[in-house]
Amino acid sequence: MSTKSISIKESLKFAFNKTVENWLFAIGVLLSATFIIFCVTSIGNGIATLLSNSIPYLGALLALILQVVLALFNMYIAVGLLYCYIKLYKEGSASFTDLFAGMPFLKSYVIVTILFGLITGVGFLLFIIPGIILALKYLFYQIIVVDEKTQAIEALKRSGQLTDGAKWQLFLFLVILYVLNIAGALCFVIGLLFTVPMTIFAMLYIYNELLEQTDNAQKPA
């Protein structure tokens, strides 16, 4: 197992500066995604309830189908939001239309999210610790699907390669991010509008740091 190092302090410094420099877009696109998901989910749940109450048996089935559609739509917006931040990280700019550019990644994103849930779910059933280890191992699966345009299984394997030798550092990193977002939530929740973009940028920083170390280690001497 290779040993890697991550720069937690540098990632947070970078994330803070990146969020400050792009605060209007970073916060605006997050608010837009949240608003869209909230509106569509509220309307969809209302329709699902109406179907269940007004059409016996068939209504329940239609409501279930609608819930699946809503879940897929929410993932579509989520992957679009991630795409926006990745584009902003790599290219220095992004647009609000990029929020709706996630369709090419959606299939792999949905499959890998389900696989991640199943794998870590089984791990957490096995006395929690295995679940934490697996969650750390596959931490970057969503980013990899969008950034490297990989399929679901490849994204999990790739994440395993990146996090190999860095899991305890990543655990500390995630604890710090958790505390950061708790602090944001305590600031009348409004603080999350800053800490969530900062969290994503910090994750992208660490991801790219591990990506470089992994690829350099795999190059022939």
C-alpha atoms as a PDB file:
ATOM      1  CA  MET A   1       0.000   0.000   0.000  1.00  0.00           C
ATOM      2  CA  SER A   2       1.432   3.353  -1.028  1.00  0.00           C
ATOM      3  CA  THR A   3       1.597   6.220   1.437  1.00  0.00           C
ATOM      4  CA  LYS A   4       0.204   9.553   0.312  1.00  0.00           C
ATOM      5  CA  SER A   5      -0.137  12.926   1.917  1.00  0.00           C
ATOM      6  CA  ILE A   6      -2.880  15.519   1.630  1.00  0.00           C
ATOM      7  CA  SER A   7      -2.637  19.206   2.424  1.00  0.00           C
ATOM      8  CA  ILE A   8      -5.691  19.820   4.574  1.00  0.00           C
ATOM      9  CA  LYS A   9      -4.658  23.345   5.567  1.00  0.00           C
ATOM     10  CA  GLU A  10      -3.866  24.294   1.968  1.00  0.00           C
ATOM     11  CA  SER A  11      -7.137  22.795   0.725  1.00  0.00           C
ATOM     12  CA  LEU A  12      -9.151  24.889   3.173  1.00  0.00           C
ATOM     13  CA  LYS A  13      -7.172  28.018   2.322  1.00  0.00           C
ATOM     14  CA  PHE A  14      -7.705  27.400  -1.388  1.00  0.00           C
ATOM     15  CA  ALA A  15     -11.407  26.655  -0.891  1.00  0.00           C
ATOM     16  CA  PHE A  16     -11.908  29.846   1.128  1.00  0.00           C
ATOM     17  CA  ASN A  17     -10.187  32.020  -1.464  1.00  0.00           C
ATOM     18  CA  LYS A  18     -11.967  30.316  -4.360  1.00  0.00           C
ATOM     19  CA  THR A  19     -15.349  30.801  -2.726  1.00  0.00           C
ATOM     20  CA  VAL A  20     -14.635  34.453  -1.942  1.00  0.00           C
ATOM     21  CA  GLU A  21     -13.398  35.125  -5.498  1.00  0.00           C
ATOM     22  CA  ASN A  22     -16.467  33.487  -7.051  1.00  0.00           C
ATOM     23  CA  TRP A  23     -19.006  34.093  -4.288  1.00  0.00           C
ATOM     24  CA  LEU A  24     -21.767  35.377  -6.558  1.00  0.00           C
ATOM     25  CA  PHE A  25     -21.773  32.367  -8.852  1.00  0.00           C
ATOM     26  CA  ALA A  26     -20.828  29.779  -6.211  1.00  0.00           C
ATOM     27  CA  ILE A  27     -23.667  30.828  -3.912  1.00  0.00           C
ATOM     28  CA  GLY A  28     -26.073  31.690  -6.716  1.00  0.00           C
ATOM     29  CA  VAL A  29     -25.859  28.307  -8.433  1.00  0.00           C
ATOM     30  CA  LEU A  30     -26.225  26.527  -5.083  1.00  0.00           C
ATOM     31  CA  LEU A  31     -29.342  28.548  -4.274  1.00  0.00           C
ATOM     32  CA  SER A  32     -30.711  27.912  -7.768  1.00  0.00           C
ATOM     33  CA  ALA A  33     -30.212  24.159  -7.489  1.00  0.00           C
ATOM     34  CA  THR A  34     -31.769  24.095  -4.015  1.00  0.00           C
ATOM     35  CA  PHE A  35     -34.750  26.157  -5.151  1.00  0.00           C
ATOM     36  CA  ILE A  36     -35.361  24.009  -8.233  1.00  0.00           C
ATOM     37  CA  ILE A  37     -35.175  20.775  -6.256  1.00  0.00           C
ATOM     38  CA  PHE A  38     -37.448  22.172  -3.536  1.00  0.00           C
ATOM     39  CA  CYS A  39     -40.098  23.391  -6.005  1.00  0.00           C
ATOM     40  CA  VAL A  40     -40.120  20.290  -8.191  1.00  0.00           C
ATOM     41  CA  THR A  41     -40.118  17.954  -5.178  1.00  0.00           C
ATOM     42  CA  SER A  42     -42.952  19.860  -3.473  1.00  0.00           C
ATOM     43  CA  ILE A  43     -45.107  19.818  -6.594  1.00  0.00           C
ATOM     44  CA  GLY A  44     -44.274  16.183  -7.286  1.00  0.00           C
ATOM     45  CA  ASN A  45     -45.092  15.094  -3.739  1.00  0.00           C
ATOM     46  CA  GLY A  46     -48.385  16.956  -3.941  1.00  0.00           C
ATOM     47  CA  ILE A  47     -49.299  15.168  -7.159  1.00  0.00           C
ATOM     48  CA  ALA A  48     -48.210  11.812  -5.708  1.00  0.00           C
ATOM     49  CA  THR A  49     -50.431  12.337  -2.664  1.00  0.00           C
ATOM     50  CA  LEU A  50     -53.348  13.307  -4.883  1.00  0.00           C
ATOM     51  CA  LEU A  51     -52.893  10.188  -7.019  1.00  0.00           C
ATOM     52  CA  SER A  52     -52.670   7.904  -3.990  1.00  0.00           C
ATOM     53  CA  ASN A  53     -55.826   9.340  -2.468  1.00  0.00           C
ATOM     54  CA  SER A  54     -57.957   9.606  -5.592  1.00  0.00           C
ATOM     55  CA  ILE A  55     -57.130   6.437  -7.559  1.00  0.00           C
ATOM     56  CA  PRO A  56     -57.247   3.179  -5.588  1.00  0.00           C
ATOM     57  CA  TYR A  57     -54.313   0.784  -6.167  1.00  0.00           C
ATOM     58  CA  LEU A  58     -53.265   2.320  -9.494  1.00  0.00           C
ATOM     59  CA  GLY A  59     -52.755   5.678  -7.812  1.00  0.00           C
ATOM     60  CA  ALA A  60     -50.235   4.176  -5.401  1.00  0.00           C
ATOM     61  CA  LEU A  61     -48.293   2.664  -8.291  1.00  0.00           C
ATOM     62  CA  LEU A  62     -48.304   5.950 -10.214  1.00  0.00           C
ATOM     63  CA  ALA A  63     -47.215   7.790  -7.080  1.00  0.00           C
ATOM     64  CA  LEU A  64     -44.300   5.377  -6.661  1.00  0.00           C
ATOM     65  CA  ILE A  65     -43.241   5.884 -10.279  1.00  0.00           C
ATOM     66  CA  LEU A  66     -43.444   9.630  -9.770  1.00  0.00           C
ATOM     67  CA  GLN A  67     -41.208   9.393  -6.696  1.00  0.00           C
ATOM     68  CA  VAL A  68     -38.598   7.540  -8.765  1.00  0.00           C
ATOM     69  CA  VAL A  69     -38.796  10.249 -11.435  1.00  0.00           C
ATOM     70  CA  LEU A  70     -38.354  12.917  -8.765  1.00  0.00           C
ATOM     71  CA  ALA A  71     -35.314  11.124  -7.361  1.00  0.00           C
ATOM     72  CA  LEU A  72     -33.765  10.959 -10.832  1.00  0.00           C
ATOM     73  CA  PHE A  73     -34.492  14.635 -11.417  1.00  0.00           C
ATOM     74  CA  ASN A  74     -32.875  15.578  -8.106  1.00  0.00           C
ATOM     75  CA  MET A  75     -29.778  13.576  -9.071  1.00  0.00           C
ATOM     76  CA  TYR A  76     -29.774  15.332 -12.453  1.00  0.00           C
ATOM     77  CA  ILE A  77     -29.629  18.716 -10.730  1.00  0.00           C
ATOM     78  CA  ALA A  78     -27.075  17.460  -8.198  1.00  0.00           C
ATOM     79  CA  VAL A  79     -24.721  16.217 -10.905  1.00  0.00           C
ATOM     80  CA  GLY A  80     -25.204  19.497 -12.780  1.00  0.00           C
ATOM     81  CA  LEU A  81     -24.257  21.427  -9.646  1.00  0.00           C
ATOM     82  CA  LEU A  82     -21.125  19.319  -9.227  1.00  0.00           C
ATOM     83  CA  TYR A  83     -20.281  19.906 -12.892  1.00  0.00           C
ATOM     84  CA  CYS A  84     -20.533  23.667 -12.317  1.00  0.00           C
ATOM     85  CA  TYR A  85     -18.058  23.567  -9.448  1.00  0.00           C
ATOM     86  CA  ILE A  86     -15.652  21.276 -11.300  1.00  0.00           C
ATOM     87  CA  LYS A  87     -15.730  23.567 -14.317  1.00  0.00           C
ATOM     88  CA  LEU A  88     -15.177  26.594 -12.079  1.00  0.00           C
ATOM     89  CA  TYR A  89     -12.264  24.812 -10.393  1.00  0.00           C
ATOM     90  CA  LYS A  90     -10.577  23.717 -13.613  1.00  0.00           C
ATOM     91  CA  GLU A  91     -11.420  26.523 -16.037  1.00  0.00           C
ATOM     92  CA  GLY A  92     -11.983  29.450 -13.705  1.00  0.00           C
ATOM     93  CA  SER A  93     -15.506  30.112 -14.966  1.00  0.00           C
ATOM     94  CA  ALA A  94     -18.886  28.459 -15.389  1.00  0.00           C
ATOM     95  CA  SER A  95     -22.425  29.518 -16.269  1.00  0.00           C
ATOM     96  CA  PHE A  96     -25.851  28.844 -14.797  1.00  0.00           C
ATOM     97  CA  THR A  97     -26.739  26.839 -17.907  1.00  0.00           C
ATOM     98  CA  ASP A  98     -24.086  24.307 -16.831  1.00  0.00           C
ATOM     99  CA  LEU A  99     -26.477  23.376 -14.022  1.00  0.00           C
ATOM    100  CA  PHE A 100     -28.481  21.542 -16.705  1.00  0.00           C
ATOM    101  CA  ALA A 101     -25.488  19.922 -18.416  1.00  0.00           C
ATOM    102  CA  GLY A 102     -25.454  16.769 -16.315  1.00  0.00           C
ATOM    103  CA  MET A 103     -27.375  14.432 -18.611  1.00  0.00           C
ATOM    104  CA  PRO A 104     -24.254  12.737 -20.099  1.00  0.00           C
ATOM    105  CA  PHE A 105     -23.178  11.760 -16.569  1.00  0.00           C
ATOM    106  CA  LEU A 106     -26.582  10.901 -15.127  1.00  0.00           C
ATOM    107  CA  LYS A 107     -26.693   7.172 -15.882  1.00  0.00           C
ATOM    108  CA  SER A 108     -23.282   6.457 -14.353  1.00  0.00           C
ATOM    109  CA  TYR A 109     -24.002   8.856 -11.473  1.00  0.00           C
ATOM    110  CA  VAL A 110     -27.226   7.062 -10.565  1.00  0.00           C
ATOM    111  CA  ILE A 111     -25.694   3.587 -10.802  1.00  0.00           C
ATOM    112  CA  VAL A 112     -22.570   4.467  -8.827  1.00  0.00           C
ATOM    113  CA  THR A 113     -24.623   6.221  -6.138  1.00  0.00           C
ATOM    114  CA  ILE A 114     -26.759   3.105  -5.701  1.00  0.00           C
ATOM    115  CA  LEU A 115     -23.674   0.862  -5.610  1.00  0.00           C
ATOM    116  CA  PHE A 116     -21.980   3.139  -3.079  1.00  0.00           C
ATOM    117  CA  GLY A 117     -25.074   3.046  -0.878  1.00  0.00           C
ATOM    118  CA  LEU A 118     -25.247  -0.744  -1.016  1.00  0.00           C
ATOM    119  CA  ILE A 119     -21.529  -1.261  -0.380  1.00  0.00           C
ATOM    120  CA  THR A 120     -21.272   1.163   2.529  1.00  0.00           C
ATOM    121  CA  GLY A 121     -24.631   0.022   3.876  1.00  0.00           C
ATOM    122  CA  VAL A 122     -23.375  -3.528   4.200  1.00  0.00           C
ATOM    123  CA  GLY A 123     -20.184  -2.186   5.724  1.00  0.00           C
ATOM    124  CA  PHE A 124     -22.034  -0.221   8.388  1.00  0.00           C
ATOM    125  CA  LEU A 125     -24.058  -3.316   9.248  1.00  0.00           C
ATOM    126  CA  LEU A 126     -20.738  -5.043   9.973  1.00  0.00           C
ATOM    127  CA  PHE A 127     -20.049  -3.098  13.176  1.00  0.00           C
ATOM    128  CA  ILE A 128     -19.757   0.383  11.577  1.00  0.00           C
ATOM    129  CA  ILE A 129     -15.943   0.478  11.163  1.00  0.00           C
ATOM    130  CA  PRO A 130     -15.950  -1.401   7.822  1.00  0.00           C
ATOM    131  CA  GLY A 131     -18.595   1.037   6.590  1.00  0.00           C
ATOM    132  CA  ILE A 132     -16.410   4.018   7.457  1.00  0.00           C
ATOM    133  CA  ILE A 133     -13.411   2.445   5.714  1.00  0.00           C
ATOM    134  CA  LEU A 134     -15.447   1.719   2.579  1.00  0.00           C
ATOM    135  CA  ALA A 135     -16.943   5.227   2.595  1.00  0.00           C
ATOM    136  CA  LEU A 136     -13.431   6.677   2.732  1.00  0.00           C
ATOM    137  CA  LYS A 137     -12.210   4.313   0.019  1.00  0.00           C
ATOM    138  CA  TYR A 138     -14.925   5.358  -2.415  1.00  0.00           C
ATOM    139  CA  LEU A 139     -15.101   8.984  -1.273  1.00  0.00           C
ATOM    140  CA  PHE A 140     -14.495  10.529  -4.699  1.00  0.00           C
ATOM    141  CA  TYR A 141     -16.816   8.358  -6.782  1.00  0.00           C
ATOM    142  CA  GLN A 142     -19.167  11.204  -7.752  1.00  0.00           C
ATOM    143  CA  ILE A 143     -16.371  13.593  -8.679  1.00  0.00           C
ATOM    144  CA  ILE A 144     -14.682  10.915 -10.786  1.00  0.00           C
ATOM    145  CA  VAL A 145     -17.863  10.159 -12.749  1.00  0.00           C
ATOM    146  CA  VAL A 146     -18.155  13.805 -13.756  1.00  0.00           C
ATOM    147  CA  ASP A 147     -14.483  14.779 -14.037  1.00  0.00           C
ATOM    148  CA  GLU A 148     -13.170  11.670 -15.789  1.00  0.00           C
ATOM    149  CA  LYS A 149     -16.450  10.685 -17.483  1.00  0.00           C
ATOM    150  CA  THR A 150     -16.084   7.095 -16.304  1.00  0.00           C
ATOM    151  CA  GLN A 151     -18.635   4.348 -15.830  1.00  0.00           C
ATOM    152  CA  ALA A 152     -19.848   3.377 -12.367  1.00  0.00           C
ATOM    153  CA  ILE A 153     -17.548   0.421 -11.632  1.00  0.00           C
ATOM    154  CA  GLU A 154     -14.516   2.243 -13.016  1.00  0.00           C
ATOM    155  CA  ALA A 155     -15.306   5.249 -10.811  1.00  0.00           C
ATOM    156  CA  LEU A 156     -15.314   3.073  -7.689  1.00  0.00           C
ATOM    157  CA  LYS A 157     -12.059   1.382  -8.679  1.00  0.00           C
ATOM    158  CA  ARG A 158     -10.468   4.726  -9.475  1.00  0.00           C
ATOM    159  CA  SER A 159     -11.528   6.176  -6.124  1.00  0.00           C
ATOM    160  CA  GLY A 160     -10.015   3.146  -4.409  1.00  0.00           C
ATOM    161  CA  GLN A 161      -6.715   3.863  -6.150  1.00  0.00           C
ATOM    162  CA  LEU A 162      -6.743   7.541  -5.189  1.00  0.00           C
ATOM    163  CA  THR A 163      -7.555   7.013  -1.515  1.00  0.00           C
ATOM    164  CA  ASP A 164      -5.144   4.104  -1.024  1.00  0.00           C
ATOM    165  CA  GLY A 165      -2.661   5.140   1.651  1.00  0.00           C
ATOM    166  CA  ALA A 166      -4.545   8.276   2.670  1.00  0.00           C
ATOM    167  CA  LYS A 167      -7.680   7.070   4.459  1.00  0.00           C
ATOM    168  CA  TRP A 168      -6.827   8.275   7.973  1.00  0.00           C
ATOM    169  CA  GLN A 169      -5.884  11.693   6.642  1.00  0.00           C
ATOM    170  CA  LEU A 170      -9.131  11.773   4.689  1.00  0.00           C
ATOM    171  CA  PHE A 171     -11.044  10.857   7.839  1.00  0.00           C
ATOM    172  CA  LEU A 172      -9.534  13.861   9.635  1.00  0.00           C
ATOM    173  CA  PHE A 173     -10.274  16.022   6.597  1.00  0.00           C
ATOM    174  CA  LEU A 174     -13.941  14.997   6.608  1.00  0.00           C
ATOM    175  CA  VAL A 175     -14.240  15.634  10.340  1.00  0.00           C
ATOM    176  CA  ILE A 176     -12.949  19.168   9.787  1.00  0.00           C
ATOM    177  CA  LEU A 177     -15.412  19.709   6.935  1.00  0.00           C
ATOM    178  CA  TYR A 178     -18.222  18.405   9.141  1.00  0.00           C
ATOM    179  CA  VAL A 179     -17.318  20.862  11.900  1.00  0.00           C
ATOM    180  CA  LEU A 180     -17.080  23.629   9.307  1.00  0.00           C
ATOM    181  CA  ASN A 181     -20.595  22.968   8.058  1.00  0.00           C
ATOM    182  CA  ILE A 182     -21.973  22.646  11.582  1.00  0.00           C
ATOM    183  CA  ALA A 183     -20.574  26.123  12.212  1.00  0.00           C
ATOM    184  CA  GLY A 184     -22.242  27.291   9.004  1.00  0.00           C
ATOM    185  CA  ALA A 185     -25.556  25.822  10.095  1.00  0.00           C
ATOM    186  CA  LEU A 186     -25.291  27.521  13.478  1.00  0.00           C
ATOM    187  CA  CYS A 187     -24.961  30.889  11.738  1.00  0.00           C
ATOM    188  CA  PHE A 188     -28.716  30.943  11.191  1.00  0.00           C
ATOM    189  CA  VAL A 189     -28.227  28.320   8.410  1.00  0.00           C
ATOM    190  CA  ILE A 190     -27.184  31.155   6.075  1.00  0.00           C
ATOM    191  CA  GLY A 191     -23.568  30.247   6.776  1.00  0.00           C
ATOM    192  CA  LEU A 192     -24.087  27.037   4.794  1.00  0.00           C
ATOM    193  CA  LEU A 193     -24.325  29.147   1.648  1.00  0.00           C
ATOM    194  CA  PHE A 194     -20.615  29.798   2.132  1.00  0.00           C
ATOM    195  CA  THR A 195     -19.427  26.583   3.792  1.00  0.00           C
ATOM    196  CA  VAL A 196     -21.050  24.209   1.273  1.00  0.00           C
ATOM    197  CA  PRO A 197     -19.255  25.717  -1.772  1.00  0.00           C
ATOM    198  CA  MET A 198     -16.096  25.850   0.318  1.00  0.00           C
ATOM    199  CA  THR A 199     -16.523  22.152   1.156  1.00  0.00           C
ATOM    200  CA  ILE A 200     -16.873  21.226  -2.513  1.00  0.00           C
ATOM    201  CA  PHE A 201     -13.796  23.224  -3.509  1.00  0.00           C
ATOM    202  CA  ALA A 202     -11.783  21.669  -0.681  1.00  0.00           C
ATOM    203  CA  MET A 203     -12.861  18.197  -1.844  1.00  0.00           C
ATOM    204  CA  LEU A 204     -11.814  19.032  -5.407  1.00  0.00           C
ATOM    205  CA  TYR A 205      -8.447  20.270  -4.177  1.00  0.00           C
ATOM    206  CA  ILE A 206      -7.746  17.049  -2.267  1.00  0.00           C
ATOM    207  CA  TYR A 207      -9.077  14.948  -5.157  1.00  0.00           C
ATOM    208  CA  ASN A 208      -6.703  16.604  -7.623  1.00  0.00           C
ATOM    209  CA  GLU A 209      -3.821  16.324  -5.167  1.00  0.00           C
ATOM    210  CA  LEU A 210      -4.359  12.571  -4.807  1.00  0.00           C
ATOM    211  CA  LEU A 211      -4.941  12.252  -8.549  1.00  0.00           C
ATOM    212  CA  GLU A 212      -1.528  13.746  -9.255  1.00  0.00           C
ATOM    213  CA  GLN A 213       0.212  11.557  -6.681  1.00  0.00           C
ATOM    214  CA  THR A 214      -1.493   8.405  -7.967  1.00  0.00           C
ATOM    215  CA  ASP A 215      -0.761   9.072 -11.616  1.00  0.00           C
ATOM    216  CA  ASN A 216       2.878   9.975 -10.864  1.00  0.00           C
ATOM    217  CA  ALA A 217       3.314   6.758  -8.879  1.00  0.00           C
ATOM    218  CA  GLN A 218       1.965   4.703 -11.779  1.00  0.00           C
ATOM    219  CA  LYS A 219       4.362   6.195 -14.332  1.00  0.00           C
ATOM    220  CA  PRO A 220       7.224   3.901 -15.292  1.00  0.00           C
ATOM    221  CA  ALA A 221      10.549   4.865 -13.719  1.00  0.00           C
END
